């Protein structure tokens, strides 16, 4: 069964979908990765939310944020039962589709996912750092929908 994709801004994001997204983010980032951090960062209201469902289960999520010079993709998460089958690539592609072409796209990637993001056209832009106790690296690509 294929994934059904939904794209929402704050006004169109239902309470149910928001709750499912926050639940998946908490399941992975807080519980699985044992990372206590402030997930509710007041950025969800200005984000574009990309949600991928198999039947009624949220299996992929990301959010896209914009400022005047670039976009960023963050809170990228795949349900633990659905990893390793291409959903990570699909959620990044779906996220980039929301960004105007030739716009720089920034991410704060967990360091162990460097090769994954490089395979999608991202390049490391500076040395690594700790974010919430987890090694991260800054990466950037240019939104190019012909490659997405």
N, C-alpha and C. Protein backbone atom coordinates (compact mmCIF):
# COMPACT_ATOMS: atom_id res chain seq x y z
N UNK A 1 0.83 -1.18 0.00
CA UNK A 1 0.00 0.00 0.00
C UNK A 1 0.88 1.24 0.00
N UNK A 2 0.64 2.17 -0.92
CA UNK A 2 1.48 3.37 -0.99
C UNK A 2 1.17 4.34 0.15
N UNK A 3 2.07 5.28 0.31
CA UNK A 3 1.87 6.33 1.31
C UNK A 3 0.92 7.37 0.74
N UNK A 4 0.03 7.87 1.57
CA UNK A 4 -0.80 9.02 1.24
C UNK A 4 -0.17 10.23 1.89
N UNK A 5 0.13 11.25 1.09
CA UNK A 5 0.83 12.43 1.57
C UNK A 5 -0.13 13.58 1.79
N UNK A 6 0.10 14.32 2.86
CA UNK A 6 -0.67 15.52 3.17
C UNK A 6 0.31 16.65 3.46
N UNK A 7 -0.01 17.83 2.97
CA UNK A 7 0.78 19.02 3.23
C UNK A 7 -0.15 20.06 3.84
N UNK A 8 0.25 20.61 4.98
CA UNK A 8 -0.60 21.56 5.69
C UNK A 8 0.20 22.73 6.22
N UNK A 9 -0.46 23.89 6.26
CA UNK A 9 0.06 24.99 7.06
C UNK A 9 -0.67 24.93 8.39
N UNK A 10 -0.38 25.89 9.28
CA UNK A 10 -0.96 25.84 10.61
C UNK A 10 -2.49 25.88 10.57
N UNK A 11 -3.03 26.67 9.67
CA UNK A 11 -4.48 26.84 9.62
C UNK A 11 -5.20 25.58 9.12
N UNK A 12 -4.56 24.80 8.29
CA UNK A 12 -5.22 23.61 7.74
C UNK A 12 -4.83 22.32 8.47
N UNK A 13 -3.89 22.41 9.38
CA UNK A 13 -3.45 21.23 10.13
C UNK A 13 -4.47 20.93 11.23
N UNK A 14 -5.12 19.78 11.13
CA UNK A 14 -6.14 19.43 12.12
C UNK A 14 -5.48 19.11 13.46
N UNK A 15 -6.26 19.20 14.51
CA UNK A 15 -5.75 18.84 15.84
C UNK A 15 -5.31 17.38 15.86
N UNK A 16 -6.05 16.52 15.17
CA UNK A 16 -5.71 15.08 15.13
C UNK A 16 -4.35 14.87 14.46
N UNK A 17 -4.14 15.51 13.31
CA UNK A 17 -2.85 15.35 12.61
C UNK A 17 -1.70 15.96 13.42
N UNK A 18 -1.95 17.10 14.03
CA UNK A 18 -0.92 17.70 14.87
C UNK A 18 -0.57 16.78 16.03
N UNK A 19 -1.57 16.22 16.68
CA UNK A 19 -1.34 15.31 17.79
C UNK A 19 -0.54 14.09 17.33
N UNK A 20 -0.87 13.54 16.17
CA UNK A 20 -0.13 12.38 15.63
C UNK A 20 1.32 12.75 15.34
N UNK A 21 1.54 13.95 14.78
CA UNK A 21 2.90 14.40 14.48
C UNK A 21 3.71 14.58 15.77
N UNK A 22 3.11 15.21 16.76
CA UNK A 22 3.82 15.42 18.02
C UNK A 22 4.09 14.09 18.73
N UNK A 23 3.16 13.15 18.59
CA UNK A 23 3.35 11.82 19.19
C UNK A 23 4.53 11.11 18.53
N UNK A 24 4.60 11.14 17.19
CA UNK A 24 5.71 10.48 16.48
C UNK A 24 7.03 11.18 16.81
N UNK A 25 7.04 12.50 16.82
CA UNK A 25 8.26 13.23 17.16
C UNK A 25 8.73 12.85 18.56
N UNK A 26 7.82 12.79 19.51
CA UNK A 26 8.18 12.42 20.88
C UNK A 26 8.66 10.98 20.97
N UNK A 27 7.98 10.07 20.26
CA UNK A 27 8.35 8.65 20.27
C UNK A 27 9.80 8.47 19.83
N UNK A 28 10.20 9.19 18.80
CA UNK A 28 11.54 9.00 18.25
C UNK A 28 12.57 9.89 18.93
N UNK A 29 12.31 11.19 18.95
CA UNK A 29 13.34 12.11 19.43
C UNK A 29 13.53 12.08 20.94
N UNK A 30 12.46 11.92 21.69
CA UNK A 30 12.56 11.96 23.15
C UNK A 30 12.79 10.56 23.72
N UNK A 31 11.95 9.61 23.33
CA UNK A 31 12.02 8.28 23.94
C UNK A 31 13.11 7.43 23.29
N UNK A 32 13.02 7.19 21.98
CA UNK A 32 13.99 6.31 21.32
C UNK A 32 15.41 6.85 21.42
N UNK A 33 15.58 8.15 21.16
CA UNK A 33 16.92 8.74 21.19
C UNK A 33 17.32 9.23 22.58
N UNK A 34 16.43 9.03 23.55
CA UNK A 34 16.71 9.39 24.94
C UNK A 34 17.24 10.82 25.05
N UNK A 35 16.51 11.74 24.43
CA UNK A 35 16.93 13.13 24.36
C UNK A 35 15.83 14.02 24.92
N UNK A 36 16.13 14.60 26.05
CA UNK A 36 15.18 15.54 26.63
C UNK A 36 15.46 16.91 26.01
N UNK A 37 14.49 17.42 25.26
CA UNK A 37 14.66 18.72 24.62
C UNK A 37 13.29 19.37 24.45
N UNK A 38 13.28 20.64 24.12
CA UNK A 38 12.06 21.40 23.96
C UNK A 38 11.56 21.26 22.53
N UNK A 39 10.73 20.26 22.26
CA UNK A 39 10.20 20.04 20.92
C UNK A 39 9.23 21.15 20.53
N UNK A 40 8.41 21.58 21.45
CA UNK A 40 7.45 22.65 21.18
C UNK A 40 8.18 23.98 21.24
N UNK A 41 8.69 24.41 20.08
CA UNK A 41 9.60 25.55 19.99
C UNK A 41 8.96 26.79 19.37
N UNK A 42 7.63 26.80 19.27
CA UNK A 42 6.89 27.92 18.71
C UNK A 42 7.13 28.13 17.21
N UNK A 43 7.73 27.16 16.53
CA UNK A 43 7.95 27.27 15.09
C UNK A 43 6.90 26.52 14.27
N UNK A 44 6.14 25.63 14.92
CA UNK A 44 5.14 24.85 14.17
C UNK A 44 4.08 25.74 13.53
N UNK A 45 3.76 26.85 14.17
CA UNK A 45 2.73 27.73 13.64
C UNK A 45 3.12 28.39 12.32
N UNK A 46 4.40 28.55 12.07
CA UNK A 46 4.85 29.18 10.82
C UNK A 46 5.40 28.17 9.82
N UNK A 47 5.28 26.89 10.11
CA UNK A 47 5.85 25.84 9.26
C UNK A 47 4.83 25.28 8.28
N UNK A 48 5.38 24.67 7.25
CA UNK A 48 4.61 23.79 6.37
C UNK A 48 4.87 22.38 6.90
N UNK A 49 3.83 21.62 7.13
CA UNK A 49 3.94 20.28 7.69
C UNK A 49 3.66 19.25 6.61
N UNK A 50 4.57 18.28 6.45
CA UNK A 50 4.42 17.20 5.48
C UNK A 50 4.23 15.92 6.27
N UNK A 51 3.13 15.24 6.01
CA UNK A 51 2.78 14.02 6.74
C UNK A 51 2.51 12.90 5.75
N UNK A 52 3.10 11.74 6.01
CA UNK A 52 2.89 10.57 5.17
C UNK A 52 2.24 9.46 5.97
N UNK A 53 1.11 8.95 5.46
CA UNK A 53 0.34 7.92 6.15
C UNK A 53 0.29 6.62 5.35
N UNK A 54 0.38 5.52 6.05
CA UNK A 54 0.04 4.19 5.51
C UNK A 54 -1.21 3.79 6.27
N UNK A 55 -2.29 3.63 5.52
CA UNK A 55 -3.62 3.44 6.14
C UNK A 55 -3.85 4.61 7.07
N UNK A 56 -4.03 4.36 8.36
CA UNK A 56 -4.29 5.44 9.32
C UNK A 56 -3.11 5.73 10.23
N UNK A 57 -1.93 5.23 9.88
CA UNK A 57 -0.75 5.40 10.73
C UNK A 57 0.21 6.41 10.11
N UNK A 58 0.58 7.43 10.88
CA UNK A 58 1.58 8.38 10.44
C UNK A 58 2.94 7.69 10.44
N UNK A 59 3.57 7.59 9.28
CA UNK A 59 4.85 6.88 9.17
C UNK A 59 6.01 7.82 8.81
N UNK A 60 5.70 9.04 8.35
CA UNK A 60 6.75 9.98 7.97
C UNK A 60 6.26 11.40 8.24
N UNK A 61 7.17 12.23 8.73
CA UNK A 61 6.82 13.62 9.03
C UNK A 61 8.05 14.50 8.87
N UNK A 62 7.83 15.72 8.42
CA UNK A 62 8.86 16.76 8.41
C UNK A 62 8.16 18.11 8.39
N UNK A 63 8.91 19.13 8.76
CA UNK A 63 8.37 20.48 8.64
C UNK A 63 9.36 21.35 7.88
N UNK A 64 8.81 22.32 7.16
CA UNK A 64 9.61 23.25 6.36
C UNK A 64 9.37 24.65 6.91
N UNK A 65 10.47 25.35 7.15
CA UNK A 65 10.41 26.73 7.63
C UNK A 65 11.08 27.63 6.61
N UNK A 66 10.59 28.86 6.51
CA UNK A 66 11.14 29.82 5.56
C UNK A 66 11.58 31.07 6.29
N UNK A 67 12.67 31.67 5.81
CA UNK A 67 12.98 33.04 6.18
C UNK A 67 13.27 33.79 4.89
N UNK A 68 13.78 34.98 4.96
CA UNK A 68 13.91 35.79 3.74
C UNK A 68 14.99 35.29 2.79
N UNK A 69 15.95 34.52 3.28
CA UNK A 69 17.07 34.11 2.43
C UNK A 69 17.12 32.62 2.12
N UNK A 70 16.49 31.79 2.95
CA UNK A 70 16.58 30.36 2.72
C UNK A 70 15.40 29.65 3.38
N UNK A 71 15.35 28.35 3.16
CA UNK A 71 14.37 27.49 3.81
C UNK A 71 15.13 26.47 4.64
N UNK A 72 14.43 25.87 5.58
CA UNK A 72 15.06 24.78 6.34
C UNK A 72 14.04 23.66 6.51
N UNK A 73 14.57 22.45 6.52
CA UNK A 73 13.77 21.26 6.75
C UNK A 73 14.21 20.70 8.10
N UNK A 74 13.23 20.38 8.93
CA UNK A 74 13.57 19.86 10.24
C UNK A 74 12.51 18.93 10.78
N UNK A 75 12.80 18.39 11.97
CA UNK A 75 11.92 17.45 12.64
C UNK A 75 11.58 16.28 11.70
N UNK A 76 12.55 15.90 10.88
CA UNK A 76 12.37 14.79 9.94
C UNK A 76 12.35 13.49 10.75
N UNK A 77 11.28 12.73 10.59
CA UNK A 77 11.15 11.52 11.40
C UNK A 77 10.39 10.45 10.62
N UNK A 78 10.88 9.23 10.74
CA UNK A 78 10.25 8.05 10.14
C UNK A 78 9.89 7.12 11.29
N UNK A 79 8.68 6.61 11.26
CA UNK A 79 8.23 5.66 12.28
C UNK A 79 9.22 4.49 12.33
N UNK A 80 9.61 4.05 13.52
CA UNK A 80 10.61 2.98 13.63
C UNK A 80 10.27 1.71 12.84
N UNK A 81 9.00 1.37 12.70
CA UNK A 81 8.63 0.15 11.98
C UNK A 81 8.72 0.29 10.45
N UNK A 82 9.05 1.50 9.97
CA UNK A 82 9.03 1.74 8.53
C UNK A 82 10.33 2.34 8.03
N UNK A 83 11.42 2.05 8.71
CA UNK A 83 12.72 2.58 8.29
C UNK A 83 13.39 1.62 7.31
N UNK A 84 14.28 2.17 6.52
CA UNK A 84 15.09 1.36 5.61
C UNK A 84 14.37 0.95 4.34
N UNK A 85 13.23 1.58 4.05
CA UNK A 85 12.48 1.21 2.83
C UNK A 85 12.20 2.42 1.94
N UNK A 86 12.97 3.50 2.16
CA UNK A 86 12.90 4.64 1.26
C UNK A 86 12.01 5.79 1.69
N UNK A 87 11.39 5.68 2.85
CA UNK A 87 10.49 6.76 3.27
C UNK A 87 11.25 8.03 3.66
N UNK A 88 12.46 7.88 4.16
CA UNK A 88 13.27 9.05 4.49
C UNK A 88 13.55 9.88 3.25
N UNK A 89 13.94 9.22 2.17
CA UNK A 89 14.18 9.93 0.91
C UNK A 89 12.90 10.60 0.42
N UNK A 90 11.79 9.89 0.52
CA UNK A 90 10.51 10.45 0.05
C UNK A 90 10.09 11.68 0.84
N UNK A 91 10.27 11.66 2.17
CA UNK A 91 9.84 12.81 2.97
C UNK A 91 10.72 14.02 2.67
N UNK A 92 12.01 13.81 2.42
CA UNK A 92 12.88 14.92 2.05
C UNK A 92 12.48 15.46 0.69
N UNK A 93 12.20 14.57 -0.27
CA UNK A 93 11.74 15.03 -1.59
C UNK A 93 10.45 15.82 -1.49
N UNK A 94 9.49 15.32 -0.72
CA UNK A 94 8.22 16.01 -0.55
C UNK A 94 8.43 17.37 0.11
N UNK A 95 9.38 17.45 1.04
CA UNK A 95 9.68 18.72 1.70
C UNK A 95 10.28 19.71 0.71
N UNK A 96 11.22 19.26 -0.08
CA UNK A 96 11.86 20.15 -1.07
C UNK A 96 10.85 20.64 -2.09
N UNK A 97 9.85 19.83 -2.42
CA UNK A 97 8.81 20.26 -3.37
C UNK A 97 8.04 21.48 -2.86
N UNK A 98 8.06 21.74 -1.57
CA UNK A 98 7.36 22.89 -1.00
C UNK A 98 8.17 24.18 -1.09
N UNK A 99 9.41 24.07 -1.53
CA UNK A 99 10.35 25.19 -1.52
C UNK A 99 10.56 25.69 -2.94
N UNK A 100 10.46 27.01 -3.17
CA UNK A 100 10.70 27.52 -4.52
C UNK A 100 12.07 27.12 -5.04
N UNK A 101 12.15 26.82 -6.34
CA UNK A 101 13.41 26.41 -6.96
C UNK A 101 14.51 27.44 -6.73
N UNK A 102 15.74 26.96 -6.67
CA UNK A 102 16.95 27.77 -6.48
C UNK A 102 17.02 28.43 -5.10
N UNK A 103 16.24 27.97 -4.16
CA UNK A 103 16.30 28.47 -2.78
C UNK A 103 17.25 27.57 -1.99
N UNK A 104 18.21 28.15 -1.28
CA UNK A 104 19.05 27.32 -0.41
C UNK A 104 18.19 26.64 0.66
N UNK A 105 18.47 25.35 0.89
CA UNK A 105 17.74 24.57 1.88
C UNK A 105 18.74 24.10 2.93
N UNK A 106 18.54 24.54 4.16
CA UNK A 106 19.43 24.20 5.26
C UNK A 106 18.82 23.10 6.12
N UNK A 107 19.69 22.24 6.64
CA UNK A 107 19.27 21.25 7.63
C UNK A 107 20.33 21.18 8.72
N UNK A 108 19.91 20.76 9.87
CA UNK A 108 20.81 20.42 10.96
C UNK A 108 20.71 18.90 11.07
N UNK A 109 21.63 18.21 10.42
CA UNK A 109 21.55 16.76 10.28
C UNK A 109 22.26 16.05 11.43
N UNK A 110 21.64 14.99 11.92
CA UNK A 110 22.37 14.15 12.85
C UNK A 110 23.57 13.58 12.10
N UNK A 111 24.72 13.64 12.73
CA UNK A 111 25.98 13.31 12.06
C UNK A 111 25.98 11.91 11.43
N UNK A 112 25.35 10.95 12.07
CA UNK A 112 25.36 9.59 11.52
C UNK A 112 24.54 9.48 10.23
N UNK A 113 23.77 10.51 9.89
CA UNK A 113 22.97 10.50 8.65
C UNK A 113 23.62 11.31 7.53
N UNK A 114 24.88 11.68 7.70
CA UNK A 114 25.57 12.50 6.71
C UNK A 114 25.51 11.86 5.31
N UNK A 115 25.84 10.59 5.21
CA UNK A 115 25.83 9.92 3.90
C UNK A 115 24.45 9.90 3.26
N UNK A 116 23.43 9.70 4.07
CA UNK A 116 22.05 9.73 3.57
C UNK A 116 21.74 11.08 2.94
N UNK A 117 22.03 12.16 3.68
CA UNK A 117 21.73 13.50 3.15
C UNK A 117 22.61 13.86 1.97
N UNK A 118 23.87 13.41 1.98
CA UNK A 118 24.73 13.64 0.80
C UNK A 118 24.14 12.97 -0.43
N UNK A 119 23.55 11.80 -0.26
CA UNK A 119 22.95 11.10 -1.41
C UNK A 119 21.76 11.87 -1.99
N UNK A 120 21.23 12.82 -1.21
CA UNK A 120 20.12 13.65 -1.67
C UNK A 120 20.57 15.04 -2.12
N UNK A 121 21.90 15.24 -2.21
CA UNK A 121 22.43 16.49 -2.72
C UNK A 121 22.85 17.50 -1.68
N UNK A 122 22.78 17.16 -0.40
CA UNK A 122 23.21 18.09 0.66
C UNK A 122 24.71 18.00 0.84
N UNK A 123 25.31 19.15 1.19
CA UNK A 123 26.74 19.23 1.47
C UNK A 123 26.94 19.81 2.86
N UNK A 124 27.91 19.28 3.57
CA UNK A 124 28.25 19.81 4.88
C UNK A 124 28.87 21.18 4.70
N UNK A 125 28.45 22.17 5.52
CA UNK A 125 28.91 23.54 5.34
C UNK A 125 29.85 24.03 6.45
N UNK A 126 29.95 23.31 7.53
CA UNK A 126 30.82 23.72 8.64
C UNK A 126 31.09 22.50 9.51
N UNK A 127 31.89 22.69 10.54
CA UNK A 127 32.20 21.57 11.42
C UNK A 127 30.98 21.21 12.27
N UNK A 128 31.04 20.03 12.85
CA UNK A 128 29.94 19.51 13.63
C UNK A 128 29.81 20.19 14.98
N UNK A 129 28.69 19.93 15.63
CA UNK A 129 28.39 20.52 16.93
C UNK A 129 27.40 19.60 17.65
N UNK A 130 27.26 19.81 18.93
CA UNK A 130 26.27 19.06 19.70
C UNK A 130 24.97 19.86 19.75
N UNK A 131 23.89 19.21 19.43
CA UNK A 131 22.56 19.80 19.55
C UNK A 131 21.74 18.86 20.42
N UNK A 132 21.35 19.33 21.57
CA UNK A 132 20.61 18.51 22.53
C UNK A 132 21.35 17.22 22.87
N UNK A 133 22.70 17.32 22.92
CA UNK A 133 23.52 16.18 23.30
C UNK A 133 23.79 15.18 22.18
N UNK A 134 23.35 15.47 20.95
CA UNK A 134 23.53 14.57 19.81
C UNK A 134 24.40 15.27 18.77
N UNK A 135 25.45 14.60 18.25
CA UNK A 135 26.30 15.21 17.23
C UNK A 135 25.50 15.54 15.96
N UNK A 136 25.59 16.78 15.51
CA UNK A 136 24.92 17.26 14.30
C UNK A 136 25.94 17.96 13.40
N UNK A 137 25.55 18.11 12.14
CA UNK A 137 26.35 18.89 11.20
C UNK A 137 25.40 19.78 10.39
N UNK A 138 25.86 21.00 10.05
CA UNK A 138 25.05 21.86 9.18
C UNK A 138 25.24 21.42 7.73
N UNK A 139 24.15 21.36 7.00
CA UNK A 139 24.22 20.95 5.59
C UNK A 139 23.29 21.85 4.78
N UNK A 140 23.57 21.96 3.49
CA UNK A 140 22.75 22.79 2.61
C UNK A 140 22.69 22.16 1.22
N UNK A 141 21.60 22.40 0.54
CA UNK A 141 21.45 22.08 -0.88
C UNK A 141 20.61 23.19 -1.49
N UNK A 142 20.40 23.13 -2.76
CA UNK A 142 19.54 24.09 -3.45
C UNK A 142 18.29 23.35 -3.88
N UNK A 143 17.13 23.94 -3.59
CA UNK A 143 15.88 23.33 -4.04
C UNK A 143 15.90 23.25 -5.55
N UNK A 144 15.83 22.04 -6.07
CA UNK A 144 15.85 21.78 -7.51
C UNK A 144 14.87 20.68 -7.76
N UNK A 145 13.70 21.04 -8.21
CA UNK A 145 12.61 20.07 -8.32
C UNK A 145 12.81 19.04 -9.42
N UNK A 146 13.71 19.28 -10.35
CA UNK A 146 13.96 18.26 -11.37
C UNK A 146 14.71 17.08 -10.79
N UNK A 147 15.41 17.28 -9.66
CA UNK A 147 16.14 16.19 -9.01
C UNK A 147 15.38 15.59 -7.83
N UNK A 148 14.32 16.25 -7.44
CA UNK A 148 13.59 15.79 -6.26
C UNK A 148 12.69 14.63 -6.55
